[in-house]
């Protein structure tokens, strides 16, 4: 078995050491101090800092001092935003779970997929189980369809052309024209359906969540065996989504 020490990558360890050293100072710090802090050779530190600058993780001032880059700030903001979203949404998700007695999911978009970041599952033995961190293509999920609709017709058509709309069940939408029509209609209606399109026997209803800038922040959905799913849940889900969106500043 490979030990933790032997599996570490030296250049990454050194880059993290430099970032940690920069972070310890409130003002931009000189290369001389960073060398003293990390024990790196000047040429090694300079080379790694150059790569960190190119990737936006470090910035170099006019007097050749170093500070953390804006990309780190954006990544940190995104992390805290996701954590805040889960904290805000989870109590409402748990209320929905108890109301529907079915699984309620929170998901975000990453590229051409939705990623499940939180869930509330019922105590009943037979329920739909979405693993936190799992992913699914946009076109086979209720929330993903709404995210495509919010991006607009051209973006939806581009997604279809890019992915070729692979089928996961016999019900998966594999026609560009049909997908565009459905996602635009779902967006206007305020909710979307997954009719056994991702998994046989499973149905889903989804709504969008919005942030203070009016942008799509995430998706909220309820998943259930198709024979138990009720369209009557849609209005309750829409209202819950509105409450979460309001808490996010929408």
Foldseek 3Di string as FASTA:
>chain_A
DDDPVRPDDVLVVLLVLLQVQQVVDPDFAALVSSCVSRVDDSVSSVVSVVVCVVVQQWDADPVGTIHGGVVVVVVVVVVVVLVVLCVLQVVLQQVLCVVLVAKKFKWDDDPQKIFTADIHHHPDPDYDDDDHGDIDGLQQAFFSLLVLLVVPLVSLLVSCVVVQQDFQDPPGDRDSVVSSVQSVVCNVVFKGKRQCRNHPQKIKIKGFAAAQVRDTDIMMMTMGGNVSDDPVCNVVRSVSSVVSNVVRND
